[in-house]
Amino acid sequence: MPNNLPDNLGDLSSSLPIISEISDLSNLDIARALDYIRIIYPSTCSRPVSFVERRSLNYKAITEDFIPDSGYASAEEEEFNQLGSEDNQIDQLHNMRSDENQRAFAVRWLTCFIKCSTLSAKLEDDTEASRRDELTEEAATLLTVCADTGAASDSLTRIFKFPLGSVLHGVRPPKIRVELNDAPPSPEDHTSVGLQSWASSIILSRMICEDTTSFGLRNPPSTGSPHSLRILELGAGTGLLSIVARKMTFSKSVQIIATDYHANVLANLRRNVHTNFPLLHSNRPPVEVHTFDWQHPTFSEPFDQTFDVILAADVIYHVSHARWIHDCVSRLLSRPSTHKGQPVFWLIIPLRQTGRHENVGETVEGVFPSIQAPELHKMENVTLGVLSVRYVGRSEGIGRADEGGYKLFKIGWGNSC
């Protein structure tokens, strides 16, 4: 696999390692090959060339610093236009993306690699073995992209596998699996961004699986009440956080409610819940899906009772959103108590330094002041605010190009600093 993209993009059959030699390739060779395929089929095989791809093709190199696009718009049109007119290489990339023979070869190559990785003996080095597992998962995701017969609709099945805990004594932990449908944006409503899975929810899901207890997602003891733990997700989108929460706390006494506002987002959300829990038949679904409007909320059932944990990922993309969410959470988040501990609202937002959403995340600190954990003798006069903030760096291959990192806010009730 060449380090650089050729001046004239050739057939995948001449650009990728020979299929018969896949079992002998190093992890580095495999990673380079997957990067090359991802350039051709970054998320949906028929979509236009993104700003990030144009930039990488202009540099004519795939480097370790190259940040793959999440599959969605990664820069403003103004930046896009600054690159000038489309050159021959962009045209070649578009032609390759629409060539069914190229797609078929990519499917065959990826299938062969996955099969070889599954059947081959485990690598002796744990680090290399872990990396090979990661590459196999990446290949499986790319395979679903390239093999998608419904590419004309731009729908995409995404499979996530999150480790339960961290590596301990050289033993890799088991993983939970989540399968999601990412649907194309609605042409009638450009604000229905919840049809796609964004990096913030992926990163927070991974963190929850690694340390469930710290996030308050625990299997509570039976108390005789119908719900010992109530979990709410705001702006659930594809439902990744809610589905992960259910897989981590599978107890009848745990109630999980995923909310959004757009009808097509809610329909896709219900589909994803059913995909991940297809065999469950009961009066109450494992994850309940409801409409909830931050701007004009109604607090009828099931919002007439408070929640112990509230989750939200990448929900601040307008200056009013933080204020609306503050007002909703102040009504919906349970007050701290000695027997249930500290209820928490976990909010993760991307740090975007360019584009129309530049620094919008700063509005969070504007409406949620910094506070301290509540003192027992001051429980009556608590304020809703930020208990702590954690910065999370980018993860390779995840996120839009304009996301420089992420902030995770732990928000709850406390006393003013």
Protein backbone atom coordinates (compact mmCIF):
# COMPACT_ATOMS: atom_id res chain seq x y z
CA MET A 1 0.00 0.00 0.00
CA PRO A 2 1.63 3.30 -1.01
CA ASN A 3 2.08 6.02 1.60
CA ASN A 4 0.77 8.65 -0.79
CA LEU A 5 -2.33 8.82 -2.92
CA PRO A 6 -1.29 8.61 -6.58
CA ASP A 7 -1.73 11.58 -8.88
CA ASN A 8 -4.24 9.47 -10.80
CA LEU A 9 -6.38 7.31 -8.57
CA GLY A 10 -6.12 3.75 -9.84
CA ASP A 11 -8.32 0.73 -9.37
CA LEU A 12 -8.56 -0.54 -5.82
CA SER A 13 -7.25 -3.87 -7.09
CA SER A 14 -3.93 -2.20 -7.95
CA SER A 15 -3.81 0.13 -4.94
CA LEU A 16 -4.58 -2.31 -2.10
CA PRO A 17 -2.38 -5.21 -0.97
CA ILE A 18 -2.93 -8.45 -2.86
CA ILE A 19 -5.79 -10.42 -1.33
CA SER A 20 -3.78 -13.64 -1.15
CA GLU A 21 -1.20 -11.89 1.05
CA ILE A 22 -3.64 -10.34 3.55
CA SER A 23 -2.87 -12.89 6.28
CA ASP A 24 0.81 -11.81 6.23
CA LEU A 25 0.21 -8.07 6.50
CA SER A 26 1.26 -6.04 9.51
CA ASN A 27 -1.18 -3.88 11.46
CA LEU A 28 0.40 -0.81 9.87
CA ASP A 29 -0.20 -2.18 6.37
CA ILE A 30 -3.81 -2.98 7.25
CA ALA A 31 -4.37 0.48 8.76
CA ARG A 32 -3.04 2.15 5.61
CA ALA A 33 -5.28 0.01 3.42
CA LEU A 34 -8.35 0.84 5.52
CA ASP A 35 -7.46 4.53 5.39
CA TYR A 36 -7.33 4.30 1.60
CA ILE A 37 -10.73 2.58 1.41
CA ARG A 38 -12.16 5.13 3.85
CA ILE A 39 -11.06 7.94 1.52
CA ILE A 40 -13.13 6.37 -1.24
CA TYR A 41 -16.08 5.34 0.97
CA PRO A 42 -15.92 7.58 4.07
CA SER A 43 -19.45 6.96 5.33
CA THR A 44 -22.04 6.69 2.59
CA CYS A 45 -20.72 5.47 -0.72
CA SER A 46 -22.66 7.87 -2.91
CA ARG A 47 -22.30 11.13 -1.05
CA PRO A 48 -20.34 14.15 -2.41
CA VAL A 49 -16.68 14.67 -1.62
CA SER A 50 -16.25 16.42 1.71
CA PHE A 51 -14.00 19.33 2.61
CA VAL A 52 -11.64 17.03 4.53
CA GLU A 53 -11.27 14.70 1.55
CA ARG A 54 -10.57 17.62 -0.77
CA ARG A 55 -7.90 18.87 1.59
CA SER A 56 -6.28 15.43 1.93
CA LEU A 57 -6.30 14.93 -1.84
CA ASN A 58 -4.74 18.33 -2.41
CA TYR A 59 -1.92 17.32 -0.05
CA LYS A 60 -1.82 13.94 -1.87
CA ALA A 61 -0.88 12.11 1.32
CA ILE A 62 -2.46 9.95 4.02
CA THR A 63 -0.62 10.77 7.23
CA GLU A 64 -1.10 9.92 10.88
CA ASP A 65 -2.30 13.48 11.36
CA PHE A 66 -5.11 13.06 8.83
CA ILE A 67 -8.48 13.25 10.58
CA PRO A 68 -11.14 11.17 8.81
CA ASP A 69 -14.49 12.84 8.51
CA SER A 70 -17.39 11.40 10.48
CA GLY A 71 -19.36 11.22 7.26
CA TYR A 72 -21.20 14.48 7.78
CA ALA A 73 -20.50 18.09 6.87
CA SER A 74 -17.16 18.94 8.45
CA ALA A 75 -16.64 22.55 7.39
CA GLU A 76 -18.50 25.58 6.17
CA GLU A 77 -19.25 26.15 2.51
CA GLU A 78 -17.05 29.25 2.57
CA GLU A 79 -14.01 27.08 3.39
CA PHE A 80 -15.10 24.62 0.74
CA ASN A 81 -15.26 27.30 -1.95
CA GLN A 82 -11.83 28.68 -1.06
CA LEU A 83 -10.26 25.56 -2.53
CA GLY A 84 -11.36 26.62 -5.98
CA SER A 85 -12.83 24.55 -8.77
CA GLU A 86 -12.83 20.75 -8.74
CA ASP A 87 -9.68 19.26 -10.22
CA ASN A 88 -9.25 16.01 -12.09
CA GLN A 89 -8.45 14.07 -8.95
CA ILE A 90 -11.77 14.99 -7.34
CA ASP A 91 -13.56 13.85 -10.49
CA GLN A 92 -11.69 10.55 -10.39
CA LEU A 93 -12.66 10.03 -6.75
CA HIS A 94 -16.31 10.67 -7.56
CA ASN A 95 -16.14 8.20 -10.45
CA MET A 96 -14.55 5.53 -8.26
CA ARG A 97 -17.20 6.02 -5.59
CA SER A 98 -19.98 5.37 -8.10
CA ASP A 99 -18.24 2.41 -9.81
CA GLU A 100 -19.95 -0.83 -8.76
CA ASN A 101 -16.88 -2.90 -9.74
CA GLN A 102 -14.74 -0.85 -7.35
CA ARG A 103 -17.33 -1.28 -4.61
CA ALA A 104 -17.44 -5.05 -5.22
CA PHE A 105 -13.67 -5.34 -4.93
CA ALA A 106 -13.65 -3.33 -1.70
CA VAL A 107 -16.31 -5.68 -0.28
CA ARG A 108 -14.25 -8.73 -1.30
CA TRP A 109 -11.02 -7.33 0.16
CA LEU A 110 -12.62 -6.35 3.47
CA THR A 111 -14.45 -9.68 3.76
CA CYS A 112 -11.21 -11.59 3.19
CA PHE A 113 -9.37 -9.54 5.82
CA ILE A 114 -12.11 -10.03 8.42
CA LYS A 115 -12.18 -13.77 7.72
CA CYS A 116 -8.38 -14.04 8.00
CA SER A 117 -8.35 -12.09 11.27
CA THR A 118 -11.06 -14.32 12.71
CA LEU A 119 -9.41 -17.60 11.74
CA SER A 120 -5.75 -16.74 12.29
CA ALA A 121 -3.90 -17.45 15.52
CA LYS A 122 -3.86 -14.65 18.06
CA LEU A 123 -0.89 -12.31 17.94
CA GLU A 124 1.57 -12.93 20.74
CA ASP A 125 1.94 -9.26 21.60
CA ASP A 126 -1.16 -8.06 23.50
CA THR A 127 -0.83 -4.53 22.14
CA GLU A 128 -0.68 -5.77 18.55
CA ALA A 129 -3.54 -8.18 19.21
CA SER A 130 -5.68 -5.37 20.61
CA ARG A 131 -4.83 -3.20 17.61
CA ARG A 132 -5.75 -6.04 15.23
CA ASP A 133 -9.14 -6.34 16.97
CA GLU A 134 -9.70 -2.62 16.47
CA LEU A 135 -8.75 -2.85 12.79
CA THR A 136 -11.12 -5.78 12.33
CA GLU A 137 -13.97 -3.73 13.80
CA GLU A 138 -13.08 -0.80 11.54
CA ALA A 139 -13.11 -3.15 8.55
CA ALA A 140 -16.51 -4.50 9.58
CA THR A 141 -17.88 -0.96 9.72
CA LEU A 142 -16.42 -0.15 6.30
CA LEU A 143 -17.90 -3.38 4.95
CA THR A 144 -21.40 -2.30 5.99
CA VAL A 145 -20.80 0.95 4.12
CA CYS A 146 -19.51 -0.62 0.92
CA ALA A 147 -22.00 -3.49 0.88
CA ASP A 148 -25.01 -1.25 1.54
CA THR A 149 -27.40 -1.98 -1.33
CA GLY A 150 -29.52 0.97 -0.26
CA ALA A 151 -26.77 3.49 -0.87
CA ALA A 152 -29.11 5.62 -2.92
CA SER A 153 -30.99 6.50 0.24
CA ASP A 154 -27.72 7.26 2.06
CA SER A 155 -28.83 5.22 5.09
CA LEU A 156 -26.02 3.56 6.96
CA THR A 157 -25.88 0.79 9.53
CA ARG A 158 -23.22 1.49 12.17
CA ILE A 159 -22.04 -1.09 14.67
CA PHE A 160 -20.33 0.00 17.89
CA LYS A 161 -18.52 -2.24 20.36
CA PHE A 162 -17.61 -0.67 23.70
CA PRO A 163 -15.31 -2.42 26.21
CA LEU A 164 -16.74 -2.98 29.69
CA GLY A 165 -13.99 -1.57 31.86
CA SER A 166 -10.31 -1.32 30.99
CA VAL A 167 -7.53 -3.82 30.40
CA LEU A 168 -6.63 -5.47 33.71
CA HIS A 169 -3.58 -7.75 34.13
CA GLY A 170 -3.32 -8.03 30.37
CA VAL A 171 -6.90 -9.29 29.99
CA ARG A 172 -9.07 -7.38 27.56
CA PRO A 173 -12.62 -6.83 28.88
CA PRO A 174 -15.77 -8.03 27.10
CA LYS A 175 -17.69 -5.58 24.95
CA ILE A 176 -21.28 -4.58 24.45
CA ARG A 177 -22.57 -4.25 20.91
CA VAL A 178 -24.92 -1.55 19.62
CA GLU A 179 -26.30 -1.43 16.08
CA LEU A 180 -27.72 1.84 14.80
CA ASN A 181 -29.32 3.10 11.63
CA ASP A 182 -28.01 6.50 10.55
CA ALA A 183 -30.57 8.00 8.20
CA PRO A 184 -29.97 10.82 5.69
CA PRO A 185 -30.93 14.35 6.77
CA SER A 186 -34.49 15.29 5.99
CA PRO A 187 -34.71 17.53 2.89
CA GLU A 188 -37.74 19.22 4.46
CA ASP A 189 -36.06 19.93 7.80
CA HIS A 190 -32.33 20.71 7.93
CA THR A 191 -32.43 20.82 11.74
CA SER A 192 -33.16 17.09 12.06
CA VAL A 193 -29.50 16.37 12.80
CA GLY A 194 -30.50 13.62 15.23
CA LEU A 195 -30.86 11.19 12.32
CA GLN A 196 -27.11 10.61 12.55
CA SER A 197 -24.76 9.48 15.33
CA TRP A 198 -22.32 12.16 16.42
CA ALA A 199 -18.92 11.79 18.03
CA SER A 200 -19.96 13.23 21.41
CA SER A 201 -22.44 10.41 22.02
CA ILE A 202 -19.90 7.80 20.93
CA ILE A 203 -17.25 9.14 23.30
CA LEU A 204 -19.64 9.43 26.26
CA SER A 205 -20.98 5.91 25.60
CA ARG A 206 -17.45 4.54 25.69
CA MET A 207 -16.75 6.34 28.97
CA ILE A 208 -19.97 5.02 30.54
CA CYS A 209 -19.09 1.45 29.61
CA GLU A 210 -15.59 1.81 31.03
CA ASP A 211 -16.83 3.13 34.39
CA THR A 212 -20.58 2.68 34.76
CA THR A 213 -20.78 3.28 38.50
CA SER A 214 -19.20 6.73 38.30
CA PHE A 215 -21.99 7.83 35.96
CA GLY A 216 -24.71 6.68 38.33
CA LEU A 217 -25.91 3.93 35.97
CA ARG A 218 -26.22 1.11 38.45
CA ASN A 219 -28.59 -1.79 38.91
CA PRO A 220 -30.46 -0.60 42.03
CA PRO A 221 -31.72 -3.01 44.67
CA SER A 222 -35.42 -3.83 44.61
CA THR A 223 -37.32 -1.34 46.74
CA GLY A 224 -40.91 -2.32 46.06
CA SER A 225 -41.44 0.87 44.05
CA PRO A 226 -41.91 0.54 40.26
CA HIS A 227 -38.80 2.59 39.47
CA SER A 228 -35.71 2.60 41.68
CA LEU A 229 -33.74 4.46 38.99
CA ARG A 230 -35.06 6.77 36.27
CA ILE A 231 -32.82 7.81 33.38
CA LEU A 232 -33.65 10.47 30.77
CA GLU A 233 -31.86 11.35 27.55
CA LEU A 234 -32.44 14.77 26.00
CA GLY A 235 -31.97 15.13 22.25
CA ALA A 236 -31.45 11.38 21.94
CA GLY A 237 -31.09 11.32 18.15
CA THR A 238 -30.24 7.76 17.13
CA GLY A 239 -30.53 6.70 20.80
CA LEU A 240 -26.96 5.52 21.37
CA LEU A 241 -26.72 6.74 24.98
CA SER A 242 -30.11 5.37 25.98
CA ILE A 243 -29.43 1.99 24.40
CA VAL A 244 -26.04 1.77 26.11
CA ALA A 245 -27.65 2.74 29.42
CA ARG A 246 -30.22 -0.05 29.05
CA LYS A 247 -27.57 -2.63 28.18
CA MET A 248 -25.60 -1.57 31.27
CA THR A 249 -28.56 -1.55 33.67
CA PHE A 250 -30.92 -4.28 32.63
CA SER A 251 -33.33 -4.28 35.54
CA LYS A 252 -37.11 -3.99 35.63
CA SER A 253 -36.76 -1.29 38.27
CA VAL A 254 -34.77 0.94 35.87
CA GLN A 255 -36.84 3.17 33.56
CA ILE A 256 -35.09 4.75 30.59
CA ILE A 257 -36.75 7.43 28.48
CA ALA A 258 -35.22 8.76 25.26
CA THR A 259 -36.57 12.03 23.90
CA ASP A 260 -36.33 14.13 20.77
CA TYR A 261 -38.50 16.63 18.95
CA HIS A 262 -38.52 15.76 15.25
CA ALA A 263 -40.98 13.13 14.02
CA ASN A 264 -38.54 11.47 11.60
CA VAL A 265 -35.83 11.38 14.29
CA LEU A 266 -38.26 9.74 16.73
CA ALA A 267 -39.25 7.13 14.12
CA ASN A 268 -35.60 6.25 13.50
CA LEU A 269 -34.98 6.18 17.26
CA ARG A 270 -37.78 3.63 17.77
CA ARG A 271 -36.32 1.56 14.96
CA ASN A 272 -32.92 1.51 16.66
CA VAL A 273 -34.42 0.49 20.00
CA HIS A 274 -36.21 -2.42 18.32
CA THR A 275 -33.04 -3.44 16.45
CA ASN A 276 -31.07 -3.74 19.69
CA PHE A 277 -33.83 -5.39 21.73
CA PRO A 278 -35.80 -7.40 19.14
CA LEU A 279 -36.90 -10.25 21.40
CA LEU A 280 -38.36 -8.27 24.26
CA HIS A 281 -42.14 -8.26 24.39
CA SER A 282 -43.70 -6.46 27.33
CA ASN A 283 -46.08 -3.69 28.16
CA ARG A 284 -43.15 -1.32 28.49
CA PRO A 285 -40.34 -1.20 25.89
CA PRO A 286 -36.75 -1.42 27.21
CA VAL A 287 -36.24 2.21 26.17
CA GLU A 288 -39.35 4.39 26.01
CA VAL A 289 -39.39 7.00 23.24
CA HIS A 290 -41.24 10.28 23.74
CA THR A 291 -41.47 13.71 22.18
CA PHE A 292 -40.05 16.50 24.32
CA ASP A 293 -39.72 20.16 23.31
CA TRP A 294 -37.08 22.10 25.25
CA GLN A 295 -38.50 25.48 24.28
CA HIS A 296 -42.09 24.67 25.19
CA PRO A 297 -41.91 21.68 27.53
CA THR A 298 -44.92 19.94 28.97
CA PHE A 299 -44.49 18.01 32.19
CA SER A 300 -47.26 15.48 31.88
CA GLU A 301 -46.55 11.76 32.21
CA PRO A 302 -43.81 10.48 32.06
CA PHE A 303 -42.24 13.87 32.81
CA ASP A 304 -44.37 14.45 35.89
CA GLN A 305 -41.72 12.70 38.01
CA THR A 306 -38.06 13.60 38.35
CA PHE A 307 -35.05 11.64 37.07
CA ASP A 308 -31.92 10.39 38.82
CA VAL A 309 -29.69 10.62 35.74
CA ILE A 310 -30.09 12.85 32.69
CA LEU A 311 -27.86 12.41 29.62
CA ALA A 312 -27.28 14.70 26.64
CA ALA A 313 -24.65 14.76 23.89
CA ASP A 314 -23.99 17.56 21.39
CA VAL A 315 -27.30 19.33 22.00
CA ILE A 316 -26.01 22.91 22.11
CA TYR A 317 -25.99 24.35 18.59
CA HIS A 318 -27.94 27.57 19.15
CA VAL A 319 -27.40 30.32 21.72
CA SER A 320 -30.82 29.63 23.27
CA HIS A 321 -30.39 25.89 23.75
CA ALA A 322 -28.38 26.00 26.97
CA ARG A 323 -30.99 28.23 28.61
CA TRP A 324 -33.89 26.05 27.47
CA ILE A 325 -32.13 22.92 28.68
CA HIS A 326 -31.29 24.56 32.03
CA ASP A 327 -34.96 25.35 32.62
CA CYS A 328 -36.00 21.79 31.71
CA VAL A 329 -33.32 20.11 33.83
CA SER A 330 -34.11 22.31 36.83
CA ARG A 331 -37.61 20.85 36.71
CA LEU A 332 -36.70 17.25 35.79
CA LEU A 333 -33.57 16.46 37.84
CA SER A 334 -34.23 14.96 41.28
CA ARG A 335 -32.96 16.77 44.35
CA PRO A 336 -30.06 15.21 46.28
CA SER A 337 -30.94 12.99 49.23
CA THR A 338 -29.11 10.79 51.70
CA HIS A 339 -30.66 7.55 50.36
CA LYS A 340 -30.37 8.20 46.60
CA GLY A 341 -27.19 10.23 46.50
CA GLN A 342 -26.47 13.04 44.05
CA PRO A 343 -28.61 13.07 40.89
CA VAL A 344 -26.52 14.15 37.88
CA PHE A 345 -27.04 15.69 34.48
CA TRP A 346 -24.17 14.56 32.21
CA LEU A 347 -23.68 16.92 29.27
CA ILE A 348 -20.95 16.47 26.66
CA ILE A 349 -20.35 19.06 23.95
CA PRO A 350 -17.79 19.36 21.15
CA LEU A 351 -15.38 22.27 21.09
CA ARG A 352 -15.82 23.93 17.73
CA GLN A 353 -13.59 26.87 16.90
CA THR A 354 -14.85 27.60 13.38
CA GLY A 355 -18.10 27.77 11.46
CA ARG A 356 -21.60 28.80 12.45
CA HIS A 357 -21.38 26.86 15.74
CA GLU A 358 -18.14 28.50 16.82
CA ASN A 359 -17.91 28.77 20.63
CA VAL A 360 -21.64 28.10 21.08
CA GLY A 361 -20.67 25.65 23.82
CA GLU A 362 -19.53 28.56 25.98
CA THR A 363 -23.19 29.33 26.65
CA VAL A 364 -23.27 26.31 28.99
CA GLU A 365 -21.11 28.07 31.58
CA GLY A 366 -23.25 31.15 31.10
CA VAL A 367 -26.39 29.49 32.46
CA PHE A 368 -24.91 26.77 34.69
CA PRO A 369 -22.69 28.44 37.34
CA SER A 370 -19.84 26.64 39.06
CA ILE A 371 -21.01 25.13 42.37
CA GLN A 372 -19.84 22.80 45.11
CA ALA A 373 -21.39 19.50 46.19
CA PRO A 374 -24.24 20.25 48.61
CA GLU A 375 -23.71 20.26 52.35
CA LEU A 376 -26.22 18.21 54.32
CA HIS A 377 -27.35 21.17 56.41
CA LYS A 378 -27.86 23.37 53.32
CA MET A 379 -29.98 21.04 51.19
CA GLU A 380 -32.90 23.48 51.02
CA ASN A 381 -30.94 26.23 49.28
CA VAL A 382 -29.20 24.35 46.50
CA THR A 383 -28.51 25.74 43.03
CA LEU A 384 -28.33 23.88 39.72
CA GLY A 385 -24.84 24.24 38.30
CA VAL A 386 -21.58 22.67 37.19
CA LEU A 387 -19.97 20.39 39.76
CA SER A 388 -16.98 19.53 37.57
CA VAL A 389 -15.72 19.76 33.98
CA ARG A 390 -13.57 17.22 32.19
CA TYR A 391 -11.79 17.82 28.89
CA VAL A 392 -11.74 14.85 26.51
CA GLY A 393 -9.43 14.81 23.50
CA ARG A 394 -10.28 13.66 20.02
CA SER A 395 -10.39 9.96 19.18
CA GLU A 396 -8.83 8.81 15.93
CA GLY A 397 -11.39 8.31 13.20
CA ILE A 398 -14.26 9.82 15.20
CA GLY A 399 -15.74 13.27 14.87
CA ARG A 400 -16.00 16.17 12.48
CA ALA A 401 -12.89 17.99 11.36
CA ASP A 402 -13.99 21.16 13.17
CA GLU A 403 -14.16 19.42 16.58
CA GLY A 404 -11.02 20.15 18.56
CA GLY A 405 -12.01 18.06 21.58
CA TYR A 406 -14.93 17.71 23.98
CA LYS A 407 -16.09 18.98 27.35
CA LEU A 408 -17.97 16.71 29.73
CA PHE A 409 -20.00 18.63 32.32
CA LYS A 410 -21.15 17.03 35.54
CA ILE A 411 -24.17 19.15 36.43
CA GLY A 412 -26.23 18.81 39.57
CA TRP A 413 -27.49 20.51 42.70
CA GLY A 414 -25.08 22.20 45.07
CA ASN A 415 -24.08 25.30 46.95
CA SER A 416 -22.62 28.41 45.37
CA CYS A 417 -18.83 28.58 45.42
